[in-house]
């Protein structure tokens, strides 16, 4: 079963094209639209070295570090969605 999350449009960098995260049993996908095109990040949960969660007053950021040394900061998620994302990625087992 896939879980789908969208960032808020009222946060920095997400007004026109919000971030969409899809998490299924084995994989993690992140989609971000741009004025000309889009970007997609796809990886196995096994490739995630660590997951960080930074809570603001209203919104939260998720920091994902990969085994290969990549660091991705995904901003503008509700606190409840960010906690669910964290839990789904943290128990990647």
PDB file of N, CA and C in Angstrom:
ATOM      1  N   UNK A   1       0.841  -1.183   0.000  1.00  0.00           N
ATOM      2  CA  UNK A   1       0.000   0.000   0.000  1.00  0.00           C
ATOM      3  C   UNK A   1       0.885   1.244   0.000  1.00  0.00           C
ATOM      4  N   UNK A   2       0.668   2.113  -0.931  1.00  0.00           N
ATOM      5  CA  UNK A   2       1.471   3.331  -1.040  1.00  0.00           C
ATOM      6  C   UNK A   2       0.864   4.445  -0.195  1.00  0.00           C
ATOM      7  N   UNK A   3       1.742   5.199   0.452  1.00  0.00           N
ATOM      8  CA  UNK A   3       1.342   6.371   1.231  1.00  0.00           C
ATOM      9  C   UNK A   3       1.782   7.603   0.446  1.00  0.00           C
ATOM     10  N   UNK A   4       0.881   8.583   0.280  1.00  0.00           N
ATOM     11  CA  UNK A   4       1.169   9.778  -0.502  1.00  0.00           C
ATOM     12  C   UNK A   4       1.021  11.009   0.381  1.00  0.00           C
ATOM     13  N   UNK A   5       2.025  11.897   0.319  1.00  0.00           N
ATOM     14  CA  UNK A   5       2.040  13.120   1.116  1.00  0.00           C
ATOM     15  C   UNK A   5       2.380  14.305   0.212  1.00  0.00           C
ATOM     16  N   UNK A   6       1.734  15.454   0.454  1.00  0.00           N
ATOM     17  CA  UNK A   6       2.038  16.676  -0.306  1.00  0.00           C
ATOM     18  C   UNK A   6       2.397  17.785   0.666  1.00  0.00           C
ATOM     19  N   UNK A   7       3.395  18.579   0.275  1.00  0.00           N
ATOM     20  CA  UNK A   7       3.793  19.713   1.113  1.00  0.00           C
ATOM     21  C   UNK A   7       2.768  20.832   0.962  1.00  0.00           C
ATOM     22  N   UNK A   8       2.796  21.749   1.891  1.00  0.00           N
ATOM     23  CA  UNK A   8       1.885  22.887   1.871  1.00  0.00           C
ATOM     24  C   UNK A   8       2.330  23.891   0.814  1.00  0.00           C
ATOM     25  N   UNK A   9       1.381  24.514   0.162  1.00  0.00           N
ATOM     26  CA  UNK A   9       1.686  25.518  -0.857  1.00  0.00           C
ATOM     27  C   UNK A   9       2.094  26.857  -0.242  1.00  0.00           C
ATOM     28  N   UNK A  10       1.884  27.035   1.045  1.00  0.00           N
ATOM     29  CA  UNK A  10       2.214  28.335   1.655  1.00  0.00           C
ATOM     30  C   UNK A  10       3.604  28.356   2.272  1.00  0.00           C
ATOM     31  N   UNK A  11       4.407  27.341   1.973  1.00  0.00           N
ATOM     32  CA  UNK A  11       5.771  27.302   2.498  1.00  0.00           C
ATOM     33  C   UNK A  11       6.774  27.659   1.404  1.00  0.00           C
ATOM     34  N   UNK A  12       7.957  28.019   1.801  1.00  0.00           N
ATOM     35  CA  UNK A  12       9.001  28.478   0.892  1.00  0.00           C
ATOM     36  C   UNK A  12       9.316  27.441  -0.186  1.00  0.00           C
ATOM     37  N   UNK A  13       9.261  27.880  -1.441  1.00  0.00           N
ATOM     38  CA  UNK A  13       9.610  27.019  -2.558  1.00  0.00           C
ATOM     39  C   UNK A  13       8.513  26.080  -3.021  1.00  0.00           C
ATOM     40  N   UNK A  14       7.372  26.088  -2.361  1.00  0.00           N
ATOM     41  CA  UNK A  14       6.305  25.151  -2.696  1.00  0.00           C
ATOM     42  C   UNK A  14       5.023  25.827  -3.186  1.00  0.00           C
ATOM     43  N   UNK A  15       5.038  27.143  -3.403  1.00  0.00           N
ATOM     44  CA  UNK A  15       3.820  27.880  -3.736  1.00  0.00           C
ATOM     45  C   UNK A  15       3.185  27.396  -5.034  1.00  0.00           C
ATOM     46  N   UNK A  16       3.974  27.221  -6.068  1.00  0.00           N
ATOM     47  CA  UNK A  16       3.423  26.815  -7.353  1.00  0.00           C
ATOM     48  C   UNK A  16       3.491  25.300  -7.531  1.00  0.00           C
ATOM     49  N   UNK A  17       4.611  24.726  -7.133  1.00  0.00           N
ATOM     50  CA  UNK A  17       4.834  23.294  -7.323  1.00  0.00           C
ATOM     51  C   UNK A  17       5.183  22.648  -5.980  1.00  0.00           C
ATOM     52  N   UNK A  18       4.199  22.103  -5.279  1.00  0.00           N
ATOM     53  CA  UNK A  18       4.507  21.454  -3.996  1.00  0.00           C
ATOM     54  C   UNK A  18       5.256  20.139  -4.198  1.00  0.00           C
ATOM     55  N   UNK A  19       5.931  19.710  -3.150  1.00  0.00           N
ATOM     56  CA  UNK A  19       6.645  18.432  -3.153  1.00  0.00           C
ATOM     57  C   UNK A  19       5.636  17.319  -2.891  1.00  0.00           C
ATOM     58  N   UNK A  20       5.743  16.237  -3.639  1.00  0.00           N
ATOM     59  CA  UNK A  20       4.910  15.057  -3.406  1.00  0.00           C
ATOM     60  C   UNK A  20       5.829  13.892  -3.060  1.00  0.00           C
ATOM     61  N   UNK A  21       5.535  13.232  -1.946  1.00  0.00           N
ATOM     62  CA  UNK A  21       6.299  12.063  -1.508  1.00  0.00           C
ATOM     63  C   UNK A  21       5.393  10.845  -1.576  1.00  0.00           C
ATOM     64  N   UNK A  22       5.914   9.771  -2.154  1.00  0.00           N
ATOM     65  CA  UNK A  22       5.208   8.496  -2.206  1.00  0.00           C
ATOM     66  C   UNK A  22       6.111   7.455  -1.551  1.00  0.00           C
ATOM     67  N   UNK A  23       5.566   6.741  -0.578  1.00  0.00           N
ATOM     68  CA  UNK A  23       6.320   5.707   0.131  1.00  0.00           C
ATOM     69  C   UNK A  23       5.520   4.417   0.051  1.00  0.00           C
ATOM     70  N   UNK A  24       6.140   3.368  -0.484  1.00  0.00           N
ATOM     71  CA  UNK A  24       5.498   2.062  -0.462  1.00  0.00           C
ATOM     72  C   UNK A  24       6.337   1.126   0.399  1.00  0.00           C
ATOM     73  N   UNK A  25       6.091  -0.153   0.307  1.00  0.00           N
ATOM     74  CA  UNK A  25       6.766  -1.106   1.197  1.00  0.00           C
ATOM     75  C   UNK A  25       8.282  -1.089   1.074  1.00  0.00           C
ATOM     76  N   UNK A  26       8.797  -0.912  -0.150  1.00  0.00           N
ATOM     77  CA  UNK A  26      10.235  -1.023  -0.362  1.00  0.00           C
ATOM     78  C   UNK A  26      10.916   0.241  -0.853  1.00  0.00           C
ATOM     79  N   UNK A  27      10.153   1.184  -1.409  1.00  0.00           N
ATOM     80  CA  UNK A  27      10.758   2.322  -2.092  1.00  0.00           C
ATOM     81  C   UNK A  27      10.229   3.664  -1.607  1.00  0.00           C
ATOM     82  N   UNK A  28      11.004   4.699  -1.931  1.00  0.00           N
ATOM     83  CA  UNK A  28      10.695   6.083  -1.592  1.00  0.00           C
ATOM     84  C   UNK A  28      10.813   6.914  -2.871  1.00  0.00           C
ATOM     85  N   UNK A  29       9.811   7.719  -3.159  1.00  0.00           N
ATOM     86  CA  UNK A  29       9.811   8.585  -4.333  1.00  0.00           C
ATOM     87  C   UNK A  29       9.485  10.008  -3.908  1.00  0.00           C
ATOM     88  N   UNK A  30      10.151  10.968  -4.525  1.00  0.00           N
ATOM     89  CA  UNK A  30       9.904  12.376  -4.250  1.00  0.00           C
ATOM     90  C   UNK A  30       9.817  13.101  -5.591  1.00  0.00           C
ATOM     91  N   UNK A  31       8.698  13.788  -5.809  1.00  0.00           N
ATOM     92  CA  UNK A  31       8.466  14.515  -7.061  1.00  0.00           C
ATOM     93  C   UNK A  31       8.372  16.002  -6.772  1.00  0.00           C
ATOM     94  N   UNK A  32       9.000  16.818  -7.609  1.00  0.00           N
ATOM     95  CA  UNK A  32       8.946  18.271  -7.480  1.00  0.00           C
ATOM     96  C   UNK A  32       8.847  18.864  -8.876  1.00  0.00           C
ATOM     97  N   UNK A  33       7.784  19.607  -9.133  1.00  0.00           N
ATOM     98  CA  UNK A  33       7.619  20.260 -10.415  1.00  0.00           C
ATOM     99  C   UNK A  33       8.452  21.528 -10.483  1.00  0.00           C
ATOM    100  N   UNK A  34       8.784  21.942 -11.684  1.00  0.00           N
ATOM    101  CA  UNK A  34       9.513  23.183 -11.932  1.00  0.00           C
ATOM    102  C   UNK A  34       8.825  23.896 -13.084  1.00  0.00           C
ATOM    103  N   UNK A  35       9.176  25.142 -13.299  1.00  0.00           N
ATOM    104  CA  UNK A  35       8.575  25.900 -14.379  1.00  0.00           C
ATOM    105  C   UNK A  35       8.771  25.192 -15.720  1.00  0.00           C
ATOM    106  N   UNK A  36       9.938  24.652 -15.922  1.00  0.00           N
ATOM    107  CA  UNK A  36      10.228  23.880 -17.131  1.00  0.00           C
ATOM    108  C   UNK A  36      10.657  22.480 -16.731  1.00  0.00           C
ATOM    109  N   UNK A  37       9.715  21.575 -16.598  1.00  0.00           N
ATOM    110  CA  UNK A  37      10.043  20.195 -16.270  1.00  0.00           C
ATOM    111  C   UNK A  37       9.755  19.836 -14.821  1.00  0.00           C
ATOM    112  N   UNK A  38      10.422  18.815 -14.381  1.00  0.00           N
ATOM    113  CA  UNK A  38      10.257  18.336 -13.011  1.00  0.00           C
ATOM    114  C   UNK A  38      11.490  17.558 -12.583  1.00  0.00           C
ATOM    115  N   UNK A  39      11.575  17.274 -11.299  1.00  0.00           N
ATOM    116  CA  UNK A  39      12.658  16.431 -10.794  1.00  0.00           C
ATOM    117  C   UNK A  39      12.047  15.305  -9.966  1.00  0.00           C
ATOM    118  N   UNK A  40      12.675  14.146 -10.051  1.00  0.00           N
ATOM    119  CA  UNK A  40      12.204  12.970  -9.342  1.00  0.00           C
ATOM    120  C   UNK A  40      13.375  12.339  -8.607  1.00  0.00           C
ATOM    121  N   UNK A  41      13.151  12.005  -7.365  1.00  0.00           N
ATOM    122  CA  UNK A  41      14.126  11.277  -6.562  1.00  0.00           C
ATOM    123  C   UNK A  41      13.492   9.937  -6.225  1.00  0.00           C
ATOM    124  N   UNK A  42      14.145   8.854  -6.592  1.00  0.00           N
ATOM    125  CA  UNK A  42      13.636   7.517  -6.314  1.00  0.00           C
ATOM    126  C   UNK A  42      14.752   6.687  -5.714  1.00  0.00           C
ATOM    127  N   UNK A  43      14.442   6.011  -4.623  1.00  0.00           N
ATOM    128  CA  UNK A  43      15.448   5.156  -3.992  1.00  0.00           C
ATOM    129  C   UNK A  43      14.774   4.073  -3.171  1.00  0.00           C
ATOM    130  N   UNK A  44      15.500   3.023  -2.975  1.00  0.00           N
ATOM    131  CA  UNK A  44      15.051   1.955  -2.101  1.00  0.00           C
ATOM    132  C   UNK A  44      15.177   2.437  -0.656  1.00  0.00           C
ATOM    133  N   UNK A  45      14.287   2.001   0.180  1.00  0.00           N
ATOM    134  CA  UNK A  45      14.396   2.365   1.604  1.00  0.00           C
ATOM    135  C   UNK A  45      15.705   1.858   2.203  1.00  0.00           C
ATOM    136  N   UNK A  46      16.242   0.790   1.645  1.00  0.00           N
ATOM    137  CA  UNK A  46      17.504   0.238   2.145  1.00  0.00           C
ATOM    138  C   UNK A  46      18.679   1.172   1.883  1.00  0.00           C
ATOM    139  N   UNK A  47      18.527   2.106   0.931  1.00  0.00           N
ATOM    140  CA  UNK A  47      19.585   3.060   0.610  1.00  0.00           C
ATOM    141  C   UNK A  47      19.571   4.292   1.515  1.00  0.00           C
ATOM    142  N   UNK A  48      18.619   4.373   2.417  1.00  0.00           N
ATOM    143  CA  UNK A  48      18.509   5.514   3.326  1.00  0.00           C
ATOM    144  C   UNK A  48      19.313   5.217   4.583  1.00  0.00           C
ATOM    145  N   UNK A  49      20.311   6.061   4.849  1.00  0.00           N
ATOM    146  CA  UNK A  49      21.165   5.867   6.020  1.00  0.00           C
ATOM    147  C   UNK A  49      20.508   6.434   7.277  1.00  0.00           C
ATOM    148  N   UNK A  50      19.916   7.630   7.168  1.00  0.00           N
ATOM    149  CA  UNK A  50      19.268   8.226   8.337  1.00  0.00           C
ATOM    150  C   UNK A  50      18.170   9.181   7.900  1.00  0.00           C
ATOM    151  N   UNK A  51      17.249   9.408   8.819  1.00  0.00           N
ATOM    152  CA  UNK A  51      16.123  10.307   8.586  1.00  0.00           C
ATOM    153  C   UNK A  51      16.054  11.260   9.763  1.00  0.00           C
ATOM    154  N   UNK A  52      15.969  12.551   9.466  1.00  0.00           N
ATOM    155  CA  UNK A  52      15.841  13.564  10.512  1.00  0.00           C
ATOM    156  C   UNK A  52      14.529  14.302  10.363  1.00  0.00           C
ATOM    157  N   UNK A  53      14.003  14.771  11.465  1.00  0.00           N
ATOM    158  CA  UNK A  53      12.735  15.493  11.478  1.00  0.00           C
ATOM    159  C   UNK A  53      12.923  16.781  12.252  1.00  0.00           C
ATOM    160  N   UNK A  54      12.641  17.912  11.614  1.00  0.00           N
ATOM    161  CA  UNK A  54      12.753  19.215  12.263  1.00  0.00           C
ATOM    162  C   UNK A  54      11.391  19.873  12.289  1.00  0.00           C
ATOM    163  N   UNK A  55      10.848  20.055  13.500  1.00  0.00           N
ATOM    164  CA  UNK A  55       9.510  20.614  13.663  1.00  0.00           C
ATOM    165  C   UNK A  55       9.568  22.105  13.901  1.00  0.00           C
ATOM    166  N   UNK A  56       8.812  22.852  13.099  1.00  0.00           N
ATOM    167  CA  UNK A  56       8.622  24.270  13.327  1.00  0.00           C
ATOM    168  C   UNK A  56       7.320  24.459  14.096  1.00  0.00           C
ATOM    169  N   UNK A  57       6.836  25.674  14.131  1.00  0.00           N
ATOM    170  CA  UNK A  57       5.584  25.942  14.841  1.00  0.00           C
ATOM    171  C   UNK A  57       4.418  25.262  14.148  1.00  0.00           C
ATOM    172  N   UNK A  58       4.368  25.367  12.818  1.00  0.00           N
ATOM    173  CA  UNK A  58       3.261  24.774  12.062  1.00  0.00           C
ATOM    174  C   UNK A  58       3.741  23.657  11.146  1.00  0.00           C
ATOM    175  N   UNK A  59       4.833  23.882  10.442  1.00  0.00           N
ATOM    176  CA  UNK A  59       5.309  22.934   9.443  1.00  0.00           C
ATOM    177  C   UNK A  59       6.612  22.277   9.874  1.00  0.00           C
ATOM    178  N   UNK A  60       6.919  21.156   9.211  1.00  0.00           N
ATOM    179  CA  UNK A  60       8.120  20.388   9.533  1.00  0.00           C
ATOM    180  C   UNK A  60       8.933  20.119   8.282  1.00  0.00           C
ATOM    181  N   UNK A  61      10.236  19.919   8.484  1.00  0.00           N
ATOM    182  CA  UNK A  61      11.156  19.551   7.415  1.00  0.00           C
ATOM    183  C   UNK A  61      11.667  18.144   7.689  1.00  0.00           C
ATOM    184  N   UNK A  62      11.908  17.413   6.619  1.00  0.00           N
ATOM    185  CA  UNK A  62      12.450  16.074   6.722  1.00  0.00           C
ATOM    186  C   UNK A  62      13.813  16.070   6.046  1.00  0.00           C
ATOM    187  N   UNK A  63      14.808  15.557   6.739  1.00  0.00           N
ATOM    188  CA  UNK A  63      16.165  15.449   6.202  1.00  0.00           C
ATOM    189  C   UNK A  63      16.453  13.972   5.973  1.00  0.00           C
ATOM    190  N   UNK A  64      16.824  13.636   4.736  1.00  0.00           N
ATOM    191  CA  UNK A  64      17.144  12.250   4.391  1.00  0.00           C
ATOM    192  C   UNK A  64      18.593  12.189   3.951  1.00  0.00           C
ATOM    193  N   UNK A  65      19.362  11.319   4.589  1.00  0.00           N
ATOM    194  CA  UNK A  65      20.747  11.067   4.200  1.00  0.00           C
ATOM    195  C   UNK A  65      20.825   9.661   3.623  1.00  0.00           C
ATOM    196  N   UNK A  66      21.499   9.552   2.485  1.00  0.00           N
ATOM    197  CA  UNK A  66      21.610   8.246   1.833  1.00  0.00           C
ATOM    198  C   UNK A  66      22.928   7.571   2.194  1.00  0.00           C
ATOM    199  N   UNK A  67      22.998   6.297   1.913  1.00  0.00           N
ATOM    200  CA  UNK A  67      24.242   5.553   2.140  1.00  0.00           C
ATOM    201  C   UNK A  67      25.378   6.088   1.287  1.00  0.00           C
ATOM    202  N   UNK A  68      25.060   6.679   0.144  1.00  0.00           N
ATOM    203  CA  UNK A  68      26.075   7.231  -0.752  1.00  0.00           C
ATOM    204  C   UNK A  68      26.520   8.637  -0.385  1.00  0.00           C
ATOM    205  N   UNK A  69      25.970   9.218   0.677  1.00  0.00           N
ATOM    206  CA  UNK A  69      26.382  10.536   1.138  1.00  0.00           C
ATOM    207  C   UNK A  69      25.491  11.682   0.694  1.00  0.00           C
ATOM    208  N   UNK A  70      24.441  11.414  -0.051  1.00  0.00           N
ATOM    209  CA  UNK A  70      23.521  12.465  -0.466  1.00  0.00           C
ATOM    210  C   UNK A  70      22.649  12.929   0.687  1.00  0.00           C
ATOM    211  N   UNK A  71      22.357  14.225   0.714  1.00  0.00           N
ATOM    212  CA  UNK A  71      21.495  14.784   1.755  1.00  0.00           C
ATOM    213  C   UNK A  71      20.366  15.544   1.064  1.00  0.00           C
ATOM    214  N   UNK A  72      19.131  15.247   1.448  1.00  0.00           N
ATOM    215  CA  UNK A  72      17.954  15.873   0.862  1.00  0.00           C
ATOM    216  C   UNK A  72      17.101  16.479   1.960  1.00  0.00           C
ATOM    217  N   UNK A  73      16.782  17.765   1.806  1.00  0.00           N
ATOM    218  CA  UNK A  73      15.916  18.450   2.769  1.00  0.00           C
ATOM    219  C   UNK A  73      14.587  18.729   2.074  1.00  0.00           C
ATOM    220  N   UNK A  74      13.537  18.174   2.623  1.00  0.00           N
ATOM    221  CA  UNK A  74      12.194  18.318   2.066  1.00  0.00           C
ATOM    222  C   UNK A  74      11.375  19.138   3.054  1.00  0.00           C
ATOM    223  N   UNK A  75      10.916  20.299   2.618  1.00  0.00           N
ATOM    224  CA  UNK A  75      10.287  21.219   3.562  1.00  0.00           C
ATOM    225  C   UNK A  75       8.794  21.396   3.289  1.00  0.00           C
ATOM    226  N   UNK A  76       8.089  21.895   4.301  1.00  0.00           N
ATOM    227  CA  UNK A  76       6.715  22.318   4.150  1.00  0.00           C
ATOM    228  C   UNK A  76       5.652  21.279   4.414  1.00  0.00           C
ATOM    229  N   UNK A  77       5.946  20.248   5.156  1.00  0.00           N
ATOM    230  CA  UNK A  77       4.947  19.230   5.462  1.00  0.00           C
ATOM    231  C   UNK A  77       4.295  19.518   6.809  1.00  0.00           C
ATOM    232  N   UNK A  78       3.033  19.150   6.931  1.00  0.00           N
ATOM    233  CA  UNK A  78       2.370  19.314   8.217  1.00  0.00           C
ATOM    234  C   UNK A  78       3.103  18.455   9.245  1.00  0.00           C
ATOM    235  N   UNK A  79       2.973  18.828  10.488  1.00  0.00           N
ATOM    236  CA  UNK A  79       3.691  18.075  11.525  1.00  0.00           C
ATOM    237  C   UNK A  79       3.239  16.621  11.564  1.00  0.00           C
ATOM    238  N   UNK A  80       1.944  16.382  11.397  1.00  0.00           N
ATOM    239  CA  UNK A  80       1.448  15.001  11.442  1.00  0.00           C
ATOM    240  C   UNK A  80       1.935  14.192  10.235  1.00  0.00           C
ATOM    241  N   UNK A  81       1.919  14.805   9.034  1.00  0.00           N
ATOM    242  CA  UNK A  81       2.442  14.101   7.860  1.00  0.00           C
ATOM    243  C   UNK A  81       3.934  13.834   7.998  1.00  0.00           C
ATOM    244  N   UNK A  82       4.683  14.801   8.498  1.00  0.00           N
ATOM    245  CA  UNK A  82       6.126  14.624   8.669  1.00  0.00           C
ATOM    246  C   UNK A  82       6.427  13.485   9.637  1.00  0.00           C
ATOM    247  N   UNK A  83       5.652  13.377  10.686  1.00  0.00           N
ATOM    248  CA  UNK A  83       5.856  12.294  11.651  1.00  0.00           C
ATOM    249  C   UNK A  83       5.568  10.940  11.007  1.00  0.00           C
ATOM    250  N   UNK A  84       4.520  10.876  10.172  1.00  0.00           N
ATOM    251  CA  UNK A  84       4.205   9.626   9.468  1.00  0.00           C
ATOM    252  C   UNK A  84       5.311   9.269   8.484  1.00  0.00           C
ATOM    253  N   UNK A  85       5.810  10.265   7.744  1.00  0.00           N
ATOM    254  CA  UNK A  85       6.905  10.030   6.796  1.00  0.00           C
ATOM    255  C   UNK A  85       8.125   9.509   7.542  1.00  0.00           C
ATOM    256  N   UNK A  86       8.447  10.158   8.645  1.00  0.00           N
ATOM    257  CA  UNK A  86       9.596   9.747   9.463  1.00  0.00           C
ATOM    258  C   UNK A  86       9.445   8.286   9.901  1.00  0.00           C
ATOM    259  N   UNK A  87       8.270   7.952  10.404  1.00  0.00           N
ATOM    260  CA  UNK A  87       8.061   6.587  10.892  1.00  0.00           C
ATOM    261  C   UNK A  87       8.121   5.562   9.750  1.00  0.00           C
ATOM    262  N   UNK A  88       7.564   5.907   8.595  1.00  0.00           N
ATOM    263  CA  UNK A  88       7.599   4.979   7.455  1.00  0.00           C
ATOM    264  C   UNK A  88       9.017   4.770   6.935  1.00  0.00           C
ATOM    265  N   UNK A  89       9.840   5.811   6.952  1.00  0.00           N
ATOM    266  CA  UNK A  89      11.213   5.686   6.462  1.00  0.00           C
ATOM    267  C   UNK A  89      12.150   5.133   7.527  1.00  0.00           C
ATOM    268  N   UNK A  90      11.877   5.419   8.780  1.00  0.00           N
ATOM    269  CA  UNK A  90      12.757   4.996   9.859  1.00  0.00           C
ATOM    270  C   UNK A  90      12.712   3.474  10.021  1.00  0.00           C
ATOM    271  N   UNK A  91      11.546   2.893   9.925  1.00  0.00           N
ATOM    272  CA  UNK A  91      11.462   1.432  10.013  1.00  0.00           C
ATOM    273  C   UNK A  91      11.461   0.857   8.612  1.00  0.00           C
ATOM    274  N   UNK A  92      12.639   0.897   8.038  1.00  0.00           N
ATOM    275  CA  UNK A  92      12.819   0.474   6.645  1.00  0.00           C
ATOM    276  C   UNK A  92      13.179  -1.002   6.529  1.00  0.00           C
ATOM    277  N   UNK A  93      13.378  -1.656   7.644  1.00  0.00           N
ATOM    278  CA  UNK A  93      13.787  -2.926   7.809  1.00  0.00           C
ATOM    279  C   UNK A  93      13.761  -4.108   7.099  1.00  0.00           C
TER     280      UNK A  93
END
